Amino acid sequence: ASSSGIVGSCIQTGEVINITDAYSDTRFNPEVDKKTGFHTRSIVAVPVFGKGGDIIGAIQMINKISTEGNTPDVFTHDDIKLLRMMSSHVSTFIQVVNGS
């Protein structure tokens, strides 16, 4: 459902979600980690808005790695600015593909 999980919450509220510790957030579903052996740490989700301002999706990134030393890091305001720019391009691309 579009209302479950981090991305679902982002789509439902239209707000950026920036989580520094996935396991401390109740919206995070650890089932994929359990099945794959992966360990999610940090998460950021940014909504994608359509031409009319409606939410048509979201972009999510997980487990930022620092540029110095390949160590775990958290997503910053600059990362969010970049994702917002990307979401604008994604929205335009979707509109072109859909012919709208």
PDB file of N, CA and C in Angstrom:
ATOM      1  N   ALA A   1       0.840  -1.190   0.000  1.00  0.00           N
ATOM      2  CA  ALA A   1       0.000   0.000   0.000  1.00  0.00           C
ATOM      3  C   ALA A   1       0.879   1.245   0.000  1.00  0.00           C
ATOM      4  N   SER A   2       0.383   2.315  -0.625  1.00  0.00           N
ATOM      5  CA  SER A   2       1.179   3.530  -0.720  1.00  0.00           C
ATOM      6  C   SER A   2       1.295   4.253   0.613  1.00  0.00           C
ATOM      7  N   SER A   3       0.602   3.794   1.642  1.00  0.00           N
ATOM      8  CA  SER A   3       0.666   4.458   2.935  1.00  0.00           C
ATOM      9  C   SER A   3       1.593   3.743   3.914  1.00  0.00           C
ATOM     10  N   SER A   4       2.226   2.647   3.478  1.00  0.00           N
ATOM     11  CA  SER A   4       3.075   1.922   4.414  1.00  0.00           C
ATOM     12  C   SER A   4       4.543   2.182   4.129  1.00  0.00           C
ATOM     13  N   GLY A   5       5.343   2.096   5.176  1.00  0.00           N
ATOM     14  CA  GLY A   5       6.783   2.273   5.039  1.00  0.00           C
ATOM     15  C   GLY A   5       7.194   3.726   4.907  1.00  0.00           C
ATOM     16  N   ILE A   6       8.473   3.912   4.671  1.00  0.00           N
ATOM     17  CA  ILE A   6       9.046   5.255   4.574  1.00  0.00           C
ATOM     18  C   ILE A   6       8.548   5.959   3.317  1.00  0.00           C
ATOM     19  N   VAL A   7       8.654   5.297   2.171  1.00  0.00           N
ATOM     20  CA  VAL A   7       8.207   5.901   0.910  1.00  0.00           C
ATOM     21  C   VAL A   7       6.702   6.167   0.954  1.00  0.00           C
ATOM     22  N   GLY A   8       5.942   5.223   1.481  1.00  0.00           N
ATOM     23  CA  GLY A   8       4.500   5.410   1.586  1.00  0.00           C
ATOM     24  C   GLY A   8       4.152   6.622   2.426  1.00  0.00           C
ATOM     25  N   SER A   9       4.862   6.804   3.513  1.00  0.00           N
ATOM     26  CA  SER A   9       4.640   7.965   4.370  1.00  0.00           C
ATOM     27  C   SER A   9       5.010   9.253   3.642  1.00  0.00           C
ATOM     28  N   CYS A  10       6.098   9.216   2.885  1.00  0.00           N
ATOM     29  CA  CYS A  10       6.533  10.376   2.107  1.00  0.00           C
ATOM     30  C   CYS A  10       5.468  10.742   1.069  1.00  0.00           C
ATOM     31  N   ILE A  11       4.931   9.732   0.393  1.00  0.00           N
ATOM     32  CA  ILE A  11       3.896   9.961  -0.619  1.00  0.00           C
ATOM     33  C   ILE A  11       2.617  10.473   0.033  1.00  0.00           C
ATOM     34  N   GLN A  12       2.288   9.922   1.168  1.00  0.00           N
ATOM     35  CA  GLN A  12       1.054  10.304   1.854  1.00  0.00           C
ATOM     36  C   GLN A  12       1.109  11.747   2.375  1.00  0.00           C
ATOM     37  N   THR A  13       2.266  12.158   2.913  1.00  0.00           N
ATOM     38  CA  THR A  13       2.374  13.485   3.522  1.00  0.00           C
ATOM     39  C   THR A  13       2.923  14.541   2.576  1.00  0.00           C
ATOM     40  N   GLY A  14       3.665  14.124   1.551  1.00  0.00           N
ATOM     41  CA  GLY A  14       4.301  15.079   0.651  1.00  0.00           C
ATOM     42  C   GLY A  14       5.515  15.749   1.254  1.00  0.00           C
ATOM     43  N   GLU A  15       6.012  15.185   2.341  1.00  0.00           N
ATOM     44  CA  GLU A  15       7.161  15.784   3.029  1.00  0.00           C
ATOM     45  C   GLU A  15       8.403  14.925   2.882  1.00  0.00           C
ATOM     46  N   VAL A  16       9.560  15.581   2.948  1.00  0.00           N
ATOM     47  CA  VAL A  16      10.841  14.882   2.952  1.00  0.00           C
ATOM     48  C   VAL A  16      10.971  14.137   4.277  1.00  0.00           C
ATOM     49  N   ILE A  17      11.456  12.908   4.201  1.00  0.00           N
ATOM     50  CA  ILE A  17      11.721  12.128   5.410  1.00  0.00           C
ATOM     51  C   ILE A  17      13.212  11.821   5.432  1.00  0.00           C
ATOM     52  N   ASN A  18      13.863  12.190   6.523  1.00  0.00           N
ATOM     53  CA  ASN A  18      15.299  11.965   6.674  1.00  0.00           C
ATOM     54  C   ASN A  18      15.527  11.239   7.995  1.00  0.00           C
ATOM     55  N   ILE A  19      15.945   9.986   7.900  1.00  0.00           N
ATOM     56  CA  ILE A  19      16.091   9.142   9.089  1.00  0.00           C
ATOM     57  C   ILE A  19      17.562   8.767   9.253  1.00  0.00           C
ATOM     58  N   THR A  20      18.100   9.038  10.411  1.00  0.00           N
ATOM     59  CA  THR A  20      19.505   8.717  10.666  1.00  0.00           C
ATOM     60  C   THR A  20      19.696   7.295  11.171  1.00  0.00           C
ATOM     61  N   ASP A  21      18.645   6.707  11.764  1.00  0.00           N
ATOM     62  CA  ASP A  21      18.708   5.339  12.272  1.00  0.00           C
ATOM     63  C   ASP A  21      17.398   4.633  11.941  1.00  0.00           C
ATOM     64  N   ALA A  22      17.403   3.856  10.860  1.00  0.00           N
ATOM     65  CA  ALA A  22      16.182   3.221  10.358  1.00  0.00           C
ATOM     66  C   ALA A  22      15.467   2.401  11.422  1.00  0.00           C
ATOM     67  N   TYR A  23      16.217   1.657  12.200  1.00  0.00           N
ATOM     68  CA  TYR A  23      15.605   0.752  13.174  1.00  0.00           C
ATOM     69  C   TYR A  23      14.939   1.473  14.346  1.00  0.00           C
ATOM     70  N   SER A  24      15.192   2.771  14.489  1.00  0.00           N
ATOM     71  CA  SER A  24      14.532   3.527  15.555  1.00  0.00           C
ATOM     72  C   SER A  24      13.256   4.199  15.069  1.00  0.00           C
ATOM     73  N   ASP A  25      12.929   4.047  13.779  1.00  0.00           N
ATOM     74  CA  ASP A  25      11.732   4.666  13.215  1.00  0.00           C
ATOM     75  C   ASP A  25      10.665   3.594  12.997  1.00  0.00           C
ATOM     76  N   THR A  26       9.486   3.800  13.554  1.00  0.00           N
ATOM     77  CA  THR A  26       8.425   2.790  13.487  1.00  0.00           C
ATOM     78  C   THR A  26       7.891   2.568  12.067  1.00  0.00           C
ATOM     79  N   ARG A  27       8.125   3.515  11.165  1.00  0.00           N
ATOM     80  CA  ARG A  27       7.659   3.352   9.779  1.00  0.00           C
ATOM     81  C   ARG A  27       8.539   2.387   8.992  1.00  0.00           C
ATOM     82  N   PHE A  28       9.742   2.145   9.471  1.00  0.00           N
ATOM     83  CA  PHE A  28      10.683   1.262   8.782  1.00  0.00           C
ATOM     84  C   PHE A  28      10.269  -0.193   8.965  1.00  0.00           C
ATOM     85  N   ASN A  29      10.238  -0.927   7.843  1.00  0.00           N
ATOM     86  CA  ASN A  29       9.914  -2.348   7.875  1.00  0.00           C
ATOM     87  C   ASN A  29      11.210  -3.144   7.684  1.00  0.00           C
ATOM     88  N   PRO A  30      11.684  -3.829   8.719  1.00  0.00           N
ATOM     89  CA  PRO A  30      12.973  -4.532   8.635  1.00  0.00           C
ATOM     90  C   PRO A  30      12.915  -5.884   7.921  1.00  0.00           C
ATOM     91  N   GLU A  31      11.760  -6.277   7.383  1.00  0.00           N
ATOM     92  CA  GLU A  31      11.613  -7.605   6.772  1.00  0.00           C
ATOM     93  C   GLU A  31      12.584  -7.843   5.615  1.00  0.00           C
ATOM     94  N   VAL A  32      12.788  -6.843   4.764  1.00  0.00           N
ATOM     95  CA  VAL A  32      13.715  -7.021   3.633  1.00  0.00           C
ATOM     96  C   VAL A  32      15.134  -7.243   4.155  1.00  0.00           C
ATOM     97  N   ASP A  33      15.515  -6.475   5.167  1.00  0.00           N
ATOM     98  CA  ASP A  33      16.838  -6.675   5.768  1.00  0.00           C
ATOM     99  C   ASP A  33      16.975  -8.100   6.302  1.00  0.00           C
ATOM    100  N   LYS A  34      15.937  -8.575   6.981  1.00  0.00           N
ATOM    101  CA  LYS A  34      15.981  -9.927   7.556  1.00  0.00           C
ATOM    102  C   LYS A  34      16.123 -10.988   6.472  1.00  0.00           C
ATOM    103  N   LYS A  35      15.407 -10.815   5.367  1.00  0.00           N
ATOM    104  CA  LYS A  35      15.453 -11.798   4.279  1.00  0.00           C
ATOM    105  C   LYS A  35      16.758 -11.775   3.503  1.00  0.00           C
ATOM    106  N   THR A  36      17.374 -10.587   3.384  1.00  0.00           N
ATOM    107  CA  THR A  36      18.564 -10.443   2.525  1.00  0.00           C
ATOM    108  C   THR A  36      19.881 -10.395   3.287  1.00  0.00           C
ATOM    109  N   GLY A  37      19.825 -10.136   4.588  1.00  0.00           N
ATOM    110  CA  GLY A  37      21.049  -9.973   5.358  1.00  0.00           C
ATOM    111  C   GLY A  37      21.621  -8.568   5.263  1.00  0.00           C
ATOM    112  N   PHE A  38      20.949  -7.701   4.534  1.00  0.00           N
ATOM    113  CA  PHE A  38      21.355  -6.299   4.403  1.00  0.00           C
ATOM    114  C   PHE A  38      21.050  -5.580   5.714  1.00  0.00           C
ATOM    115  N   HIS A  39      21.745  -4.493   6.007  1.00  0.00           N
ATOM    116  CA  HIS A  39      21.432  -3.705   7.201  1.00  0.00           C
ATOM    117  C   HIS A  39      21.233  -2.249   6.800  1.00  0.00           C
ATOM    118  N   THR A  40      19.985  -1.812   6.839  1.00  0.00           N
ATOM    119  CA  THR A  40      19.658  -0.426   6.511  1.00  0.00           C
ATOM    120  C   THR A  40      19.977   0.455   7.708  1.00  0.00           C
ATOM    121  N   ARG A  41      20.677   1.545   7.458  1.00  0.00           N
ATOM    122  CA  ARG A  41      21.021   2.484   8.520  1.00  0.00           C
ATOM    123  C   ARG A  41      20.286   3.810   8.316  1.00  0.00           C
ATOM    124  N   SER A  42      20.717   4.581   7.340  1.00  0.00           N
ATOM    125  CA  SER A  42      20.117   5.890   7.087  1.00  0.00           C
ATOM    126  C   SER A  42      19.226   5.825   5.852  1.00  0.00           C
ATOM    127  N   ILE A  43      18.154   6.630   5.877  1.00  0.00           N
ATOM    128  CA  ILE A  43      17.190   6.668   4.776  1.00  0.00           C
ATOM    129  C   ILE A  43      16.776   8.114   4.545  1.00  0.00           C
ATOM    130  N   VAL A  44      16.640   8.483   3.276  1.00  0.00           N
ATOM    131  CA  VAL A  44      16.009   9.751   2.933  1.00  0.00           C
ATOM    132  C   VAL A  44      15.008   9.478   1.819  1.00  0.00           C
ATOM    133  N   ALA A  45      13.839  10.097   1.914  1.00  0.00           N
ATOM    134  CA  ALA A  45      12.809   9.965   0.884  1.00  0.00           C
ATOM    135  C   ALA A  45      12.280  11.353   0.545  1.00  0.00           C
ATOM    136  N   VAL A  46      12.147  11.623  -0.764  1.00  0.00           N
ATOM    137  CA  VAL A  46      11.694  12.917  -1.263  1.00  0.00           C
ATOM    138  C   VAL A  46      10.523  12.683  -2.213  1.00  0.00           C
ATOM    139  N   PRO A  47       9.416  13.420  -2.046  1.00  0.00           N
ATOM    140  CA  PRO A  47       8.283  13.222  -2.946  1.00  0.00           C
ATOM    141  C   PRO A  47       8.569  13.730  -4.360  1.00  0.00           C
ATOM    142  N   VAL A  48       7.873  13.128  -5.326  1.00  0.00           N
ATOM    143  CA  VAL A  48       7.908  13.589  -6.712  1.00  0.00           C
ATOM    144  C   VAL A  48       6.522  14.147  -7.004  1.00  0.00           C
ATOM    145  N   PHE A  49       6.480  15.426  -7.379  1.00  0.00           N
ATOM    146  CA  PHE A  49       5.213  16.098  -7.641  1.00  0.00           C
ATOM    147  C   PHE A  49       4.939  16.158  -9.137  1.00  0.00           C
ATOM    148  N   GLY A  50       3.684  15.946  -9.512  1.00  0.00           N
ATOM    149  CA  GLY A  50       3.257  16.056 -10.899  1.00  0.00           C
ATOM    150  C   GLY A  50       3.004  17.503 -11.271  1.00  0.00           C
ATOM    151  N   LYS A  51       2.615  17.694 -12.516  1.00  0.00           N
ATOM    152  CA  LYS A  51       2.391  19.031 -13.061  1.00  0.00           C
ATOM    153  C   LYS A  51       1.372  19.826 -12.248  1.00  0.00           C
ATOM    154  N   GLY A  52       0.339  19.169 -11.784  1.00  0.00           N
ATOM    155  CA  GLY A  52      -0.707  19.857 -11.030  1.00  0.00           C
ATOM    156  C   GLY A  52      -0.435  19.949  -9.540  1.00  0.00           C
ATOM    157  N   GLY A  53       0.737  19.526  -9.109  1.00  0.00           N
ATOM    158  CA  GLY A  53       1.062  19.568  -7.687  1.00  0.00           C
ATOM    159  C   GLY A  53       0.704  18.309  -6.934  1.00  0.00           C
ATOM    160  N   ASP A  54       0.114  17.337  -7.651  1.00  0.00           N
ATOM    161  CA  ASP A  54      -0.213  16.070  -6.999  1.00  0.00           C
ATOM    162  C   ASP A  54       1.047  15.219  -6.854  1.00  0.00           C
ATOM    163  N   ILE A  55       1.065  14.366  -5.864  1.00  0.00           N
ATOM    164  CA  ILE A  55       2.230  13.515  -5.618  1.00  0.00           C
ATOM    165  C   ILE A  55       2.110  12.279  -6.497  1.00  0.00           C
ATOM    166  N   ILE A  56       3.128  12.053  -7.334  1.00  0.00           N
ATOM    167  CA  ILE A  56       3.089  10.927  -8.272  1.00  0.00           C
ATOM    168  C   ILE A  56       4.107   9.846  -7.925  1.00  0.00           C
ATOM    169  N   GLY A  57       4.883  10.055  -6.880  1.00  0.00           N
ATOM    170  CA  GLY A  57       5.864   9.050  -6.475  1.00  0.00           C
ATOM    171  C   GLY A  57       6.832   9.619  -5.461  1.00  0.00           C
ATOM    172  N   ALA A  58       7.925   8.896  -5.261  1.00  0.00           N
ATOM    173  CA  ALA A  58       8.964   9.340  -4.326  1.00  0.00           C
ATOM    174  C   ALA A  58      10.298   8.735  -4.742  1.00  0.00           C
ATOM    175  N   ILE A  59      11.364   9.401  -4.360  1.00  0.00           N
ATOM    176  CA  ILE A  59      12.726   8.888  -4.542  1.00  0.00           C
ATOM    177  C   ILE A  59      13.261   8.570  -3.156  1.00  0.00           C
ATOM    178  N   GLN A  60      13.820   7.384  -2.991  1.00  0.00           N
ATOM    179  CA  GLN A  60      14.400   6.989  -1.710  1.00  0.00           C
ATOM    180  C   GLN A  60      15.852   6.584  -1.902  1.00  0.00           C
ATOM    181  N   MET A  61      16.687   6.995  -0.974  1.00  0.00           N
ATOM    182  CA  MET A  61      18.084   6.558  -0.949  1.00  0.00           C
ATOM    183  C   MET A  61      18.362   6.008   0.442  1.00  0.00           C
ATOM    184  N   ILE A  62      19.252   5.015   0.494  1.00  0.00           N
ATOM    185  CA  ILE A  62      19.578   4.424   1.786  1.00  0.00           C
ATOM    186  C   ILE A  62      21.084   4.317   1.967  1.00  0.00           C
ATOM    187  N   ASN A  63      21.497   4.312   3.218  1.00  0.00           N
ATOM    188  CA  ASN A  63      22.874   4.055   3.640  1.00  0.00           C
ATOM    189  C   ASN A  63      23.915   4.928   2.956  1.00  0.00           C
ATOM    190  N   LYS A  64      23.849   6.221   3.253  1.00  0.00           N
ATOM    191  CA  LYS A  64      24.860   7.130   2.740  1.00  0.00           C
ATOM    192  C   LYS A  64      26.233   6.704   3.256  1.00  0.00           C
ATOM    193  N   ILE A  65      27.204   6.812   2.383  1.00  0.00           N
ATOM    194  CA  ILE A  65      28.595   6.523   2.734  1.00  0.00           C
ATOM    195  C   ILE A  65      29.371   7.839   2.658  1.00  0.00           C
ATOM    196  N   SER A  66      30.218   8.098   3.635  1.00  0.00           N
ATOM    197  CA  SER A  66      30.992   9.345   3.643  1.00  0.00           C
ATOM    198  C   SER A  66      32.005   9.342   2.504  1.00  0.00           C
ATOM    199  N   THR A  67      32.353  10.522   2.063  1.00  0.00           N
ATOM    200  CA  THR A  67      33.355  10.642   0.998  1.00  0.00           C
ATOM    201  C   THR A  67      34.761  10.424   1.534  1.00  0.00           C
ATOM    202  N   GLU A  68      34.929  10.572   2.834  1.00  0.00           N
ATOM    203  CA  GLU A  68      36.238  10.348   3.449  1.00  0.00           C
ATOM    204  C   GLU A  68      36.223   9.009   4.180  1.00  0.00           C
ATOM    205  N   GLY A  69      36.831   8.013   3.603  1.00  0.00           N
ATOM    206  CA  GLY A  69      37.032   6.770   4.322  1.00  0.00           C
ATOM    207  C   GLY A  69      35.998   5.686   4.145  1.00  0.00           C
ATOM    208  N   ASN A  70      35.002   5.896   3.299  1.00  0.00           N
ATOM    209  CA  ASN A  70      34.039   4.838   3.018  1.00  0.00           C
ATOM    210  C   ASN A  70      33.345   4.327   4.282  1.00  0.00           C
ATOM    211  N   THR A  71      32.933   5.256   5.154  1.00  0.00           N
ATOM    212  CA  THR A  71      32.264   4.893   6.397  1.00  0.00           C
ATOM    213  C   THR A  71      30.807   5.352   6.363  1.00  0.00           C
ATOM    214  N   PRO A  72      29.948   4.745   7.167  1.00  0.00           N
ATOM    215  CA  PRO A  72      28.538   5.158   7.193  1.00  0.00           C
ATOM    216  C   PRO A  72      28.388   6.628   7.550  1.00  0.00           C
ATOM    217  N   ASP A  73      27.388   7.256   6.961  1.00  0.00           N
ATOM    218  CA  ASP A  73      27.127   8.673   7.204  1.00  0.00           C
ATOM    219  C   ASP A  73      25.616   8.880   7.210  1.00  0.00           C
ATOM    220  N   VAL A  74      25.174  10.109   7.417  1.00  0.00           N
ATOM    221  CA  VAL A  74      23.757  10.450   7.369  1.00  0.00           C
ATOM    222  C   VAL A  74      23.530  11.448   6.242  1.00  0.00           C
ATOM    223  N   PHE A  75      22.296  11.510   5.747  1.00  0.00           N
ATOM    224  CA  PHE A  75      21.965  12.418   4.658  1.00  0.00           C
ATOM    225  C   PHE A  75      21.850  13.844   5.184  1.00  0.00           C
ATOM    226  N   THR A  76      22.354  14.792   4.403  1.00  0.00           N
ATOM    227  CA  THR A  76      22.425  16.195   4.810  1.00  0.00           C
ATOM    228  C   THR A  76      21.415  17.044   4.034  1.00  0.00           C
ATOM    229  N   HIS A  77      21.349  18.310   4.416  1.00  0.00           N
ATOM    230  CA  HIS A  77      20.502  19.269   3.714  1.00  0.00           C
ATOM    231  C   HIS A  77      20.910  19.352   2.232  1.00  0.00           C
ATOM    232  N   ASP A  78      22.199  19.305   1.955  1.00  0.00           N
ATOM    233  CA  ASP A  78      22.674  19.339   0.563  1.00  0.00           C
ATOM    234  C   ASP A  78      22.213  18.111  -0.214  1.00  0.00           C
ATOM    235  N   ASP A  79      22.218  16.955   0.425  1.00  0.00           N
ATOM    236  CA  ASP A  79      21.709  15.736  -0.228  1.00  0.00           C
ATOM    237  C   ASP A  79      20.236  15.907  -0.578  1.00  0.00           C
ATOM    238  N   ILE A  80      19.479  16.473   0.340  1.00  0.00           N
ATOM    239  CA  ILE A  80      18.049  16.677   0.113  1.00  0.00           C
ATOM    240  C   ILE A  80      17.820  17.670  -1.020  1.00  0.00           C
ATOM    241  N   LYS A  81      18.618  18.741  -1.072  1.00  0.00           N
ATOM    242  CA  LYS A  81      18.506  19.696  -2.179  1.00  0.00           C
ATOM    243  C   LYS A  81      18.747  18.994  -3.515  1.00  0.00           C
ATOM    244  N   LEU A  82      19.750  18.134  -3.573  1.00  0.00           N
ATOM    245  CA  LEU A  82      20.050  17.387  -4.791  1.00  0.00           C
ATOM    246  C   LEU A  82      18.886  16.464  -5.158  1.00  0.00           C
ATOM    247  N   LEU A  83      18.339  15.760  -4.182  1.00  0.00           N
ATOM    248  CA  LEU A  83      17.203  14.870  -4.444  1.00  0.00           C
ATOM    249  C   LEU A  83      15.970  15.636  -4.905  1.00  0.00           C
ATOM    250  N   ARG A  84      15.755  16.825  -4.366  1.00  0.00           N
ATOM    251  CA  ARG A  84      14.623  17.646  -4.817  1.00  0.00           C
ATOM    252  C   ARG A  84      14.804  18.048  -6.278  1.00  0.00           C
ATOM    253  N   MET A  85      16.031  18.382  -6.657  1.00  0.00           N
ATOM    254  CA  MET A  85      16.295  18.694  -8.071  1.00  0.00           C
ATOM    255  C   MET A  85      16.056  17.465  -8.932  1.00  0.00           C
ATOM    256  N   MET A  86      16.529  16.312  -8.471  1.00  0.00           N
ATOM    257  CA  MET A  86      16.310  15.071  -9.214  1.00  0.00           C
ATOM    258  C   MET A  86      14.824  14.771  -9.347  1.00  0.00           C
ATOM    259  N   SER A  87      14.063  15.004  -8.288  1.00  0.00           N
ATOM    260  CA  SER A  87      12.628  14.694  -8.328  1.00  0.00           C
ATOM    261  C   SER A  87      11.920  15.560  -9.366  1.00  0.00           C
ATOM    262  N   SER A  88      12.384  16.784  -9.540  1.00  0.00           N
ATOM    263  CA  SER A  88      11.825  17.657 -10.562  1.00  0.00           C
ATOM    264  C   SER A  88      12.075  17.088 -11.959  1.00  0.00           C
ATOM    265  N   HIS A  89      13.275  16.592 -12.182  1.00  0.00           N
ATOM    266  CA  HIS A  89      13.613  15.981 -13.474  1.00  0.00           C
ATOM    267  C   HIS A  89      12.831  14.684 -13.690  1.00  0.00           C
ATOM    268  N   VAL A  90      12.676  13.898 -12.641  1.00  0.00           N
ATOM    269  CA  VAL A  90      11.893  12.662 -12.734  1.00  0.00           C
ATOM    270  C   VAL A  90      10.451  13.000 -13.108  1.00  0.00           C
ATOM    271  N   SER A  91       9.894  14.027 -12.489  1.00  0.00           N
ATOM    272  CA  SER A  91       8.528  14.437 -12.787  1.00  0.00           C
ATOM    273  C   SER A  91       8.390  14.834 -14.254  1.00  0.00           C
ATOM    274  N   THR A  92       9.325  15.627 -14.751  1.00  0.00           N
ATOM    275  CA  THR A  92       9.294  16.043 -16.151  1.00  0.00           C
ATOM    276  C   THR A  92       9.404  14.840 -17.074  1.00  0.00           C
ATOM    277  N   PHE A  93      10.293  13.938 -16.756  1.00  0.00           N
ATOM    278  CA  PHE A  93      10.467  12.724 -17.570  1.00  0.00           C
ATOM    279  C   PHE A  93       9.170  11.909 -17.624  1.00  0.00           C
ATOM    280  N   ILE A  94       8.542  11.730 -16.483  1.00  0.00           N
ATOM    281  CA  ILE A  94       7.289  10.964 -16.425  1.00  0.00           C
ATOM    282  C   ILE A  94       6.221  11.638 -17.282  1.00  0.00           C
ATOM    283  N   GLN A  95       6.141  12.968 -17.205  1.00  0.00           N
ATOM    284  CA  GLN A  95       5.157  13.696 -18.006  1.00  0.00           C
ATOM    285  C   GLN A  95       5.428  13.528 -19.499  1.00  0.00           C
ATOM    286  N   VAL A  96       6.697  13.573 -19.896  1.00  0.00           N
ATOM    287  CA  VAL A  96       7.038  13.399 -21.312  1.00  0.00           C
ATOM    288  C   VAL A  96       6.674  11.991 -21.768  1.00  0.00           C
ATOM    289  N   VAL A  97       7.031  11.003 -20.970  1.00  0.00           N
ATOM    290  CA  VAL A  97       6.737   9.611 -21.318  1.00  0.00           C
ATOM    291  C   VAL A  97       5.219   9.386 -21.431  1.00  0.00           C
ATOM    292  N   ASN A  98       4.470  10.008 -20.535  1.00  0.00           N
ATOM    293  CA  ASN A  98       3.014   9.858 -20.526  1.00  0.00           C
ATOM    294  C   ASN A  98       2.324  10.758 -21.545  1.00  0.00           C
ATOM    295  N   GLY A  99       3.085  11.635 -22.187  1.00  0.00           N
ATOM    296  CA  GLY A  99       2.511  12.519 -23.194  1.00  0.00           C
ATOM    297  C   GLY A  99       1.641  13.620 -22.625  1.00  0.00           C
ATOM    298  N   SER A 100       1.926  14.001 -21.373  1.00  0.00           N
ATOM    299  CA  SER A 100       1.109  15.070 -20.771  1.00  0.00           C
ATOM    300  C   SER A 100       1.886  16.354 -20.629  1.00  0.00           C
TER     301      SER A 100
END
